[in-house]
């Protein structure tokens, strides 16, 4: 190459516009590189508040922002809407459905989805909560149950329709359970003629010995008491062995339920398996102290997709960890371009937060354990601070203030095909045919081990 030949600008490809990918992209602003951010959606989602969309407190637009608007003005960045199908690390390229992107550096931040411990058939009856579509589906099923119960004349069928089971008592399960109990007992109490919505049952099932298993025992117990005060039935050491339309089986017990919601386990994005390196049972990619895969220092894997052991503990799959990893990966790319040695990644644990309901939460921050109203205020402040966009912060703050003063949930919209869903909810044939039969085969020992290892991994932490 002659001295007058211009040097090629390094190409950085980032897969995923969640917390890890977005923070990596923003941290590369002004770097001497061409950055391409790829996501199958055109928006960034603030997942810690997704349960509030599912429980009709917020609309999807309140907790999401268009990626192009967020990174507007970053001249070295382009945004591609597309989905990566596989990575060829030998050829240094990413294959999308209709294109191939070559890279010099790759940041894989494609996150995780629901994990059903070897029972994929449960997904249709027990939706999880990872996307906007999941949230609106849960909201539709929850609200439709009350509409169906209003039409139902049989008392037993009505009880089934108004029974909601949530599987998994990490922060997502706890937050769903508390919010649903509050809606039934307060927000909708006077809106139906034939039913008393306060009679709705919300049952929270946890496979382990305590709820919020990643939290200190005293906070776990306080959270349990706060949930029970709201009317939630909390059951621990309750391993689910079957889920079908109209019922959940826990051991030999059959719980008739109009709706079941999944908050128990997660499975890593399948793109991680195409890297050709070791993954754990949940599909997370095993990475080293630089968040890179063996033999390929140019490939960073971050966020929920990464399995990183530090000081004998796994870095949790939570938003603050993804943010830190994203910024870290960007710094190491910059150091490479500057000819400076890399640093090792060190995760800073800033604490854990979980909200139970109105003025009720638990928090563990810097060794300080708080609960109740003060923890709830901390939770409000942290989540407002980390929301993307000034408009979203103002809208969410106003909505929360109104909900606090009036007990109202302002986004109680039933979308989709309500008539078809109503007829399905009103049919209880599956329960009648199965409830008295023999229990189906339980999950394998490996499933049970996965359950204990994975439950609670999606906990949210203070940022």
Protein backbone atom coordinates (compact mmCIF):
# COMPACT_ATOMS: atom_id res chain seq x y z
CA UNK A 1 0.00 0.00 0.00
CA UNK A 2 1.40 3.40 -0.95
CA UNK A 3 1.61 6.27 1.49
CA UNK A 4 -1.10 8.12 -0.43
CA UNK A 5 -3.60 5.25 -0.29
CA UNK A 6 -6.26 6.09 2.29
CA UNK A 7 -6.55 3.64 5.15
CA UNK A 8 -9.84 1.73 5.32
CA UNK A 9 -12.11 2.76 8.18
CA UNK A 10 -12.68 -0.15 10.60
CA UNK A 11 -16.19 -1.59 10.49
CA UNK A 12 -18.05 -2.23 13.76
CA UNK A 13 -21.30 -4.20 13.64
CA UNK A 14 -23.59 -4.22 16.69
CA UNK A 15 -26.39 -6.79 16.85
CA UNK A 16 -29.28 -5.74 19.06
CA UNK A 17 -30.71 -2.35 20.01
CA UNK A 18 -31.40 -3.16 23.64
CA UNK A 19 -29.48 -1.74 26.59
CA UNK A 20 -26.14 -3.36 25.69
CA UNK A 21 -26.21 -2.63 21.97
CA UNK A 22 -27.55 0.91 22.28
CA UNK A 23 -25.04 1.92 24.96
CA UNK A 24 -22.20 0.45 22.90
CA UNK A 25 -23.33 2.37 19.82
CA UNK A 26 -23.62 5.68 21.67
CA UNK A 27 -20.23 5.18 23.33
CA UNK A 28 -18.63 4.90 19.87
CA UNK A 29 -19.83 8.35 18.84
CA UNK A 30 -16.94 10.17 17.18
CA UNK A 31 -14.74 7.06 17.03
CA UNK A 32 -12.71 6.57 13.80
CA UNK A 33 -14.94 3.68 12.73
CA UNK A 34 -18.05 2.97 10.68
CA UNK A 35 -20.68 1.61 13.10
CA UNK A 36 -23.75 -0.36 11.99
CA UNK A 37 -26.48 -1.08 14.55
CA UNK A 38 -28.80 -3.93 13.53
CA UNK A 39 -32.12 -4.71 15.21
CA UNK A 40 -35.25 -6.49 14.04
CA UNK A 41 -37.33 -3.70 15.59
CA UNK A 42 -37.00 0.00 14.88
CA UNK A 43 -37.24 0.95 18.54
CA UNK A 44 -35.41 0.59 21.83
CA UNK A 45 -37.55 -0.85 24.62
CA UNK A 46 -37.18 -0.06 28.31
CA UNK A 47 -37.87 -3.61 29.47
CA UNK A 48 -37.95 -2.98 33.25
CA UNK A 49 -41.31 -1.21 32.81
CA UNK A 50 -42.78 -3.69 30.36
CA UNK A 51 -44.95 -5.22 33.08
CA UNK A 52 -46.71 -1.84 33.39
CA UNK A 53 -47.81 -2.13 29.76
CA UNK A 54 -49.04 -5.66 30.52
CA UNK A 55 -51.07 -4.35 33.47
CA UNK A 56 -52.59 -1.34 31.67
CA UNK A 57 -50.66 1.36 33.52
CA UNK A 58 -48.61 2.58 30.54
CA UNK A 59 -48.83 2.39 26.77
CA UNK A 60 -46.01 0.87 24.69
CA UNK A 61 -44.97 4.28 23.35
CA UNK A 62 -44.30 5.49 26.90
CA UNK A 63 -41.42 3.05 27.40
CA UNK A 64 -39.99 2.86 23.89
CA UNK A 65 -38.18 5.20 21.55
CA UNK A 66 -37.28 5.05 17.86
CA UNK A 67 -33.63 4.01 17.54
CA UNK A 68 -33.00 6.44 14.68
CA UNK A 69 -34.26 9.33 16.82
CA UNK A 70 -32.13 8.28 19.79
CA UNK A 71 -28.88 8.18 17.75
CA UNK A 72 -29.75 11.09 15.46
CA UNK A 73 -26.67 13.19 14.76
CA UNK A 74 -24.16 10.36 15.28
CA UNK A 75 -22.45 10.67 11.91
CA UNK A 76 -20.40 7.47 12.10
CA UNK A 77 -23.47 5.34 12.80
CA UNK A 78 -26.05 3.80 10.50
CA UNK A 79 -29.10 1.82 11.60
CA UNK A 80 -30.30 -1.31 9.81
CA UNK A 81 -33.66 -2.89 10.52
CA UNK A 82 -33.12 -6.61 10.06
CA UNK A 83 -32.56 -9.87 11.88
CA UNK A 84 -29.24 -11.71 12.01
CA UNK A 85 -29.52 -15.41 11.26
CA UNK A 86 -25.94 -16.48 11.90
CA UNK A 87 -22.38 -15.26 12.38
CA UNK A 88 -19.41 -16.58 10.41
CA UNK A 89 -16.51 -15.77 12.72
CA UNK A 90 -13.93 -17.23 10.32
CA UNK A 91 -15.04 -14.96 7.47
CA UNK A 92 -15.85 -12.09 9.85
CA UNK A 93 -19.34 -11.47 8.55
CA UNK A 94 -22.92 -11.47 9.82
CA UNK A 95 -25.62 -13.07 7.70
CA UNK A 96 -29.01 -11.36 7.68
CA UNK A 97 -32.06 -12.64 5.85
CA UNK A 98 -31.34 -10.52 2.76
CA UNK A 99 -27.81 -9.24 3.22
CA UNK A 100 -24.33 -9.97 4.56
CA UNK A 101 -22.45 -7.50 6.74
CA UNK A 102 -18.64 -7.79 6.99
CA UNK A 103 -17.05 -6.57 10.21
CA UNK A 104 -13.73 -5.85 11.86
CA UNK A 105 -15.35 -5.76 15.29
CA UNK A 106 -18.62 -7.41 16.29
CA UNK A 107 -20.73 -6.73 19.37
CA UNK A 108 -23.45 -9.34 19.90
CA UNK A 109 -26.18 -8.08 22.22
CA UNK A 110 -29.27 -9.96 21.08
CA UNK A 111 -30.52 -10.74 24.57
CA UNK A 112 -32.79 -13.56 25.67
CA UNK A 113 -36.31 -14.88 25.29
CA UNK A 114 -38.60 -17.13 27.33
CA UNK A 115 -37.37 -20.50 28.55
CA UNK A 116 -39.90 -23.23 29.41
CA UNK A 117 -37.51 -25.88 30.78
CA UNK A 118 -38.07 -28.37 28.00
CA UNK A 119 -41.83 -27.76 27.67
CA UNK A 120 -42.23 -25.49 24.62
CA UNK A 121 -45.90 -26.49 24.37
CA UNK A 122 -46.61 -24.39 27.47
CA UNK A 123 -45.86 -21.15 25.67
CA UNK A 124 -49.25 -20.96 23.94
CA UNK A 125 -51.09 -21.14 27.27
CA UNK A 126 -48.61 -19.21 29.42
CA UNK A 127 -47.15 -16.21 27.58
CA UNK A 128 -43.98 -14.64 28.95
CA UNK A 129 -43.00 -10.99 29.09
CA UNK A 130 -40.06 -9.91 26.92
CA UNK A 131 -41.52 -7.80 24.12
CA UNK A 132 -44.22 -5.21 23.47
CA UNK A 133 -46.27 -7.91 21.73
CA UNK A 134 -45.99 -10.08 24.85
CA UNK A 135 -47.16 -7.22 27.04
CA UNK A 136 -50.22 -6.38 24.94
CA UNK A 137 -51.10 -10.10 24.74
CA UNK A 138 -50.98 -10.43 28.53
CA UNK A 139 -53.05 -7.25 28.89
CA UNK A 140 -55.64 -8.60 26.45
CA UNK A 141 -55.95 -11.95 28.21
CA UNK A 142 -56.15 -10.36 31.64
CA UNK A 143 -58.87 -7.86 30.72
CA UNK A 144 -60.83 -10.37 28.62
CA UNK A 145 -61.10 -12.65 31.64
CA UNK A 146 -63.27 -10.07 33.42
CA UNK A 147 -65.41 -9.52 30.34
CA UNK A 148 -65.95 -13.29 30.02
CA UNK A 149 -66.77 -13.61 33.73
CA UNK A 150 -69.38 -10.86 33.37
CA UNK A 151 -71.20 -13.05 30.83
CA UNK A 152 -70.78 -16.34 32.71
CA UNK A 153 -73.73 -17.53 34.82
CA UNK A 154 -72.07 -20.62 36.32
CA UNK A 155 -70.32 -19.81 39.61
CA UNK A 156 -67.57 -22.44 39.22
CA UNK A 157 -66.74 -21.29 35.70
CA UNK A 158 -66.70 -17.72 36.90
CA UNK A 159 -64.18 -18.61 39.63
CA UNK A 160 -61.97 -20.26 37.03
CA UNK A 161 -62.09 -17.24 34.72
CA UNK A 162 -61.14 -14.92 37.58
CA UNK A 163 -58.17 -17.04 38.71
CA UNK A 164 -54.79 -15.85 37.44
CA UNK A 165 -51.64 -17.91 37.95
CA UNK A 166 -48.18 -16.42 37.57
CA UNK A 167 -45.32 -18.91 37.35
CA UNK A 168 -42.02 -17.59 38.71
CA UNK A 169 -41.48 -15.16 41.58
CA UNK A 170 -38.52 -13.12 40.44
CA UNK A 171 -39.09 -9.37 40.07
CA UNK A 172 -41.23 -9.74 36.91
CA UNK A 173 -43.55 -12.27 38.54
CA UNK A 174 -43.78 -10.28 41.76
CA UNK A 175 -44.54 -7.05 39.89
CA UNK A 176 -47.18 -8.70 37.69
CA UNK A 177 -48.88 -10.31 40.66
CA UNK A 178 -48.99 -7.12 42.71
CA UNK A 179 -50.26 -4.99 39.84
CA UNK A 180 -52.98 -7.46 38.83
CA UNK A 181 -54.23 -7.74 42.41
CA UNK A 182 -54.42 -3.94 42.69
CA UNK A 183 -56.34 -3.59 39.42
CA UNK A 184 -58.90 -6.19 40.42
CA UNK A 185 -59.44 -4.85 43.93
CA UNK A 186 -59.29 -1.11 43.23
CA UNK A 187 -59.30 0.09 39.62
CA UNK A 188 -62.20 -2.02 38.32
CA UNK A 189 -64.18 -2.56 41.51
CA UNK A 190 -67.27 -0.54 40.47
CA UNK A 191 -67.21 -1.07 36.72
CA UNK A 192 -68.96 -4.45 36.34
CA UNK A 193 -72.58 -5.28 37.11
CA UNK A 194 -72.61 -9.06 37.49
CA UNK A 195 -69.26 -9.70 39.15
CA UNK A 196 -67.22 -8.39 42.04
CA UNK A 197 -63.72 -8.00 40.58
CA UNK A 198 -62.24 -8.06 44.10
CA UNK A 199 -62.99 -11.78 44.24
CA UNK A 200 -60.36 -12.45 41.58
CA UNK A 201 -57.59 -14.78 42.71
CA UNK A 202 -53.97 -14.02 41.86
CA UNK A 203 -51.71 -16.99 42.61
CA UNK A 204 -47.92 -16.62 42.46
CA UNK A 205 -46.01 -19.91 42.12
CA UNK A 206 -42.31 -20.19 42.90
CA UNK A 207 -40.33 -23.40 42.40
CA UNK A 208 -37.74 -22.46 45.03
CA UNK A 209 -38.14 -22.01 48.79
CA UNK A 210 -38.64 -18.23 48.65
CA UNK A 211 -39.76 -15.46 46.32
CA UNK A 212 -37.19 -13.00 44.93
CA UNK A 213 -34.50 -15.65 45.49
CA UNK A 214 -31.65 -13.35 44.47
CA UNK A 215 -32.53 -10.85 47.22
CA UNK A 216 -31.53 -10.93 50.91
CA UNK A 217 -33.84 -13.26 52.90
CA UNK A 218 -35.33 -10.45 54.99
CA UNK A 219 -36.36 -8.51 51.88
CA UNK A 220 -37.81 -11.65 50.33
CA UNK A 221 -39.96 -12.16 53.40
CA UNK A 222 -41.07 -8.52 53.45
CA UNK A 223 -42.02 -8.75 49.78
CA UNK A 224 -44.07 -11.85 50.52
CA UNK A 225 -45.95 -10.09 53.32
CA UNK A 226 -46.65 -7.07 51.12
CA UNK A 227 -48.01 -9.31 48.35
CA UNK A 228 -50.24 -11.18 50.77
CA UNK A 229 -51.54 -7.87 52.09
CA UNK A 230 -52.64 -7.11 48.52
CA UNK A 231 -54.48 -10.44 48.40
CA UNK A 232 -51.95 -12.42 46.34
CA UNK A 233 -51.69 -16.12 47.19
CA UNK A 234 -47.97 -16.88 47.35
CA UNK A 235 -46.86 -20.50 47.07
CA UNK A 236 -43.22 -21.52 47.29
CA UNK A 237 -41.61 -24.92 46.55
CA UNK A 238 -44.37 -25.25 43.96
CA UNK A 239 -42.96 -26.83 40.78
CA UNK A 240 -45.32 -26.73 37.82
CA UNK A 241 -45.62 -30.07 36.01
CA UNK A 242 -48.25 -29.23 33.37
CA UNK A 243 -50.00 -26.23 31.85
CA UNK A 244 -53.01 -26.52 29.58
CA UNK A 245 -56.03 -24.44 28.64
CA UNK A 246 -57.93 -23.80 31.87
CA UNK A 247 -55.60 -25.29 34.44
CA UNK A 248 -52.12 -25.60 35.94
CA UNK A 249 -50.85 -28.73 37.64
CA UNK A 250 -48.50 -28.42 40.61
CA UNK A 251 -47.46 -31.92 41.60
CA UNK A 252 -50.75 -33.79 41.96
CA UNK A 253 -52.79 -30.63 42.55
CA UNK A 254 -54.82 -29.11 39.73
CA UNK A 255 -55.42 -25.36 39.90
CA UNK A 256 -58.22 -24.26 37.61
CA UNK A 257 -57.25 -20.92 36.09
CA UNK A 258 -58.54 -18.81 33.24
CA UNK A 259 -55.07 -17.41 32.59
CA UNK A 260 -51.49 -18.41 33.25
CA UNK A 261 -48.53 -16.05 32.80
CA UNK A 262 -44.88 -17.10 32.64
CA UNK A 263 -42.12 -15.33 34.56
CA UNK A 264 -39.91 -18.27 35.49
CA UNK A 265 -37.08 -18.85 33.06
CA UNK A 266 -35.16 -17.36 30.16
CA UNK A 267 -33.31 -18.80 27.18
CA UNK A 268 -30.55 -16.94 25.38
CA UNK A 269 -30.93 -15.74 21.81
CA UNK A 270 -30.17 -18.56 19.32
CA UNK A 271 -27.62 -16.41 17.48
CA UNK A 272 -25.14 -17.26 20.24
CA UNK A 273 -25.00 -20.90 19.17
CA UNK A 274 -23.81 -19.89 15.68
CA UNK A 275 -20.56 -18.47 17.08
CA UNK A 276 -19.13 -21.98 17.41
CA UNK A 277 -18.00 -21.56 21.03
CA UNK A 278 -19.20 -23.12 24.32
CA UNK A 279 -22.64 -22.15 25.67
CA UNK A 280 -24.35 -23.11 28.91
CA UNK A 281 -27.66 -24.96 29.26
CA UNK A 282 -29.61 -21.72 28.83
CA UNK A 283 -27.71 -20.96 25.61
CA UNK A 284 -25.57 -18.15 27.06
CA UNK A 285 -22.16 -17.74 25.46
CA UNK A 286 -19.20 -18.33 27.80
CA UNK A 287 -16.95 -15.26 27.58
CA UNK A 288 -13.70 -14.20 29.21
CA UNK A 289 -12.76 -11.12 31.23
CA UNK A 290 -12.79 -8.98 28.07
CA UNK A 291 -16.34 -10.11 27.18
CA UNK A 292 -14.94 -11.79 24.07
CA UNK A 293 -15.12 -15.36 22.78
CA UNK A 294 -12.08 -17.69 22.76
CA UNK A 295 -9.75 -17.10 19.84
CA UNK A 296 -11.65 -14.06 18.55
CA UNK A 297 -10.82 -10.87 20.48
CA UNK A 298 -12.75 -8.90 17.85
CA UNK A 299 -16.08 -10.53 18.88
CA UNK A 300 -17.73 -9.16 22.03
CA UNK A 301 -20.78 -10.87 23.55
CA UNK A 302 -22.63 -8.80 26.13
CA UNK A 303 -25.85 -8.52 28.12
CA UNK A 304 -28.26 -11.42 28.65
CA UNK A 305 -26.47 -13.46 25.98
CA UNK A 306 -23.16 -13.53 27.90
CA UNK A 307 -22.14 -15.89 30.69
CA UNK A 308 -19.32 -14.22 32.59
CA UNK A 309 -18.03 -15.51 35.91
CA UNK A 310 -16.38 -12.90 38.14
CA UNK A 311 -15.11 -13.74 41.61
CA UNK A 312 -17.14 -16.94 41.67
CA UNK A 313 -20.42 -15.21 40.74
CA UNK A 314 -22.14 -14.82 37.41
CA UNK A 315 -22.70 -11.30 36.12
CA UNK A 316 -26.52 -11.11 36.18
CA UNK A 317 -28.63 -10.70 33.09
CA UNK A 318 -30.00 -7.31 34.08
CA UNK A 319 -30.18 -3.90 32.43
CA UNK A 320 -27.34 -2.22 34.39
CA UNK A 321 -24.97 -5.08 33.56
CA UNK A 322 -25.83 -4.79 29.86
CA UNK A 323 -25.25 -1.02 29.95
CA UNK A 324 -21.86 -1.47 31.60
CA UNK A 325 -20.85 -4.18 29.14
CA UNK A 326 -21.93 -2.06 26.18
CA UNK A 327 -19.86 0.91 27.27
CA UNK A 328 -16.95 -1.40 28.10
CA UNK A 329 -16.94 -3.04 24.64
CA UNK A 330 -16.93 0.39 23.01
CA UNK A 331 -13.97 1.50 25.15
CA UNK A 332 -11.95 -1.57 24.19
CA UNK A 333 -12.60 -0.98 20.49
CA UNK A 334 -11.43 2.60 20.91
CA UNK A 335 -8.31 1.42 22.75
CA UNK A 336 -7.51 -0.99 19.93
CA UNK A 337 -7.86 1.80 17.38
CA UNK A 338 -5.57 3.99 19.49
CA UNK A 339 -3.01 1.20 19.99
CA UNK A 340 -3.62 1.07 23.75
CA UNK A 341 -3.78 -2.22 25.72
CA UNK A 342 -7.21 -3.42 26.72
CA UNK A 343 -8.64 -3.45 30.23
CA UNK A 344 -10.54 -6.28 31.92
CA UNK A 345 -14.26 -5.87 32.54
CA UNK A 346 -15.35 -5.37 36.15
CA UNK A 347 -19.06 -5.39 36.93
CA UNK A 348 -20.27 -2.84 39.48
CA UNK A 349 -23.31 -4.10 41.35
CA UNK A 350 -25.42 -1.03 42.06
CA UNK A 351 -28.19 -2.83 43.90
CA UNK A 352 -31.52 -4.57 43.37
CA UNK A 353 -35.05 -3.19 43.17
CA UNK A 354 -38.49 -4.79 42.94
CA UNK A 355 -41.84 -3.04 43.25
CA UNK A 356 -44.80 -4.90 44.76
CA UNK A 357 -47.57 -2.33 44.42
CA UNK A 358 -48.73 1.10 45.42
CA UNK A 359 -46.12 2.57 47.81
CA UNK A 360 -44.69 -0.93 48.32
CA UNK A 361 -41.29 -2.14 47.13
CA UNK A 362 -38.04 -3.70 48.32
CA UNK A 363 -34.53 -2.50 47.58
CA UNK A 364 -30.98 -3.57 48.35
CA UNK A 365 -28.48 -0.85 47.47
CA UNK A 366 -24.85 -0.70 48.64
CA UNK A 367 -25.63 -3.00 51.55
CA UNK A 368 -28.63 -0.92 52.62
CA UNK A 369 -31.88 -2.90 52.75
CA UNK A 370 -35.11 -0.89 52.59
CA UNK A 371 -38.75 -1.67 51.95
CA UNK A 372 -42.15 -0.03 51.79
CA UNK A 373 -42.76 3.57 50.75
CA UNK A 374 -39.09 4.66 50.79
CA UNK A 375 -38.05 1.76 48.55
CA UNK A 376 -40.95 2.62 46.24
CA UNK A 377 -39.71 6.22 45.92
CA UNK A 378 -36.21 4.96 45.09
CA UNK A 379 -37.71 2.64 42.47
CA UNK A 380 -39.64 5.55 40.91
CA UNK A 381 -36.56 7.79 40.76
CA UNK A 382 -34.30 5.12 39.22
CA UNK A 383 -36.75 4.13 36.51
CA UNK A 384 -37.62 7.70 35.55
CA UNK A 385 -33.90 8.55 35.38
CA UNK A 386 -33.04 5.70 33.02
CA UNK A 387 -35.98 6.06 30.66
CA UNK A 388 -34.85 7.12 27.19
CA UNK A 389 -36.23 10.50 26.13
CA UNK A 390 -37.48 13.56 27.98
CA UNK A 391 -41.03 13.12 26.67
CA UNK A 392 -41.24 9.57 28.01
CA UNK A 393 -40.04 10.66 31.43
CA UNK A 394 -42.69 13.37 31.68
CA UNK A 395 -45.52 11.20 30.36
CA UNK A 396 -44.68 8.30 32.67
CA UNK A 397 -44.34 10.58 35.68
CA UNK A 398 -47.76 12.16 34.99
CA UNK A 399 -49.38 8.74 34.45
CA UNK A 400 -47.92 7.42 37.70
CA UNK A 401 -49.07 10.50 39.62
CA UNK A 402 -52.60 10.14 38.23
CA UNK A 403 -52.69 6.42 39.02
CA UNK A 404 -51.48 7.08 42.57
CA UNK A 405 -54.14 9.72 43.21
CA UNK A 406 -57.07 8.05 41.45
CA UNK A 407 -56.26 4.29 41.52
CA UNK A 408 -57.05 4.30 37.79
CA UNK A 409 -55.22 2.45 35.01
CA UNK A 410 -55.51 4.54 31.88
CA UNK A 411 -54.62 2.06 29.11
CA UNK A 412 -57.20 -0.71 29.58
CA UNK A 413 -57.51 -1.50 25.88
CA UNK A 414 -58.43 -4.95 24.58
CA UNK A 415 -56.87 -5.41 21.15
CA UNK A 416 -56.86 -8.32 18.73
CA UNK A 417 -60.00 -10.44 18.23
CA UNK A 418 -62.06 -10.10 21.44
CA UNK A 419 -65.11 -12.13 20.30
CA UNK A 420 -62.98 -15.19 19.50
CA UNK A 421 -61.01 -14.87 22.72
CA UNK A 422 -64.22 -14.49 24.73
CA UNK A 423 -65.64 -17.73 23.37
CA UNK A 424 -62.36 -19.51 24.13
CA UNK A 425 -62.29 -18.16 27.68
CA UNK A 426 -65.89 -19.24 28.27
CA UNK A 427 -65.14 -22.84 27.19
CA UNK A 428 -63.87 -25.07 30.01
CA UNK A 429 -63.84 -28.45 28.28
CA UNK A 430 -60.11 -29.00 28.79
CA UNK A 431 -60.46 -28.62 32.55
CA UNK A 432 -63.32 -31.08 32.83
CA UNK A 433 -61.50 -33.72 30.79
CA UNK A 434 -58.12 -33.48 32.51
CA UNK A 435 -58.64 -32.39 36.11
CA UNK A 436 -59.70 -35.85 37.27
CA UNK A 437 -57.18 -37.83 35.23
CA UNK A 438 -53.74 -39.14 36.16
CA UNK A 439 -50.93 -36.60 36.45
CA UNK A 440 -48.78 -36.21 33.35
CA UNK A 441 -45.08 -37.14 33.55
CA UNK A 442 -43.14 -34.58 35.55
CA UNK A 443 -40.13 -32.77 34.12
CA UNK A 444 -36.72 -34.41 34.21
CA UNK A 445 -34.17 -33.86 36.95
CA UNK A 446 -32.26 -31.63 34.55
CA UNK A 447 -35.40 -29.50 34.11
CA UNK A 448 -35.71 -29.13 37.86
CA UNK A 449 -32.05 -28.16 38.13
CA UNK A 450 -32.47 -25.62 35.36
CA UNK A 451 -35.48 -24.21 37.17
CA UNK A 452 -33.56 -23.65 40.37
CA UNK A 453 -30.59 -22.13 38.52
CA UNK A 454 -32.53 -19.88 36.18
CA UNK A 455 -35.47 -18.57 38.24
CA UNK A 456 -34.77 -15.01 39.27
CA UNK A 457 -31.93 -14.47 36.79
CA UNK A 458 -33.99 -11.79 35.09
CA UNK A 459 -34.08 -9.66 38.22
CA UNK A 460 -33.85 -5.92 37.71
CA UNK A 461 -31.33 -3.81 39.55
CA UNK A 462 -30.98 -0.20 40.38
CA UNK A 463 -28.96 1.54 37.71
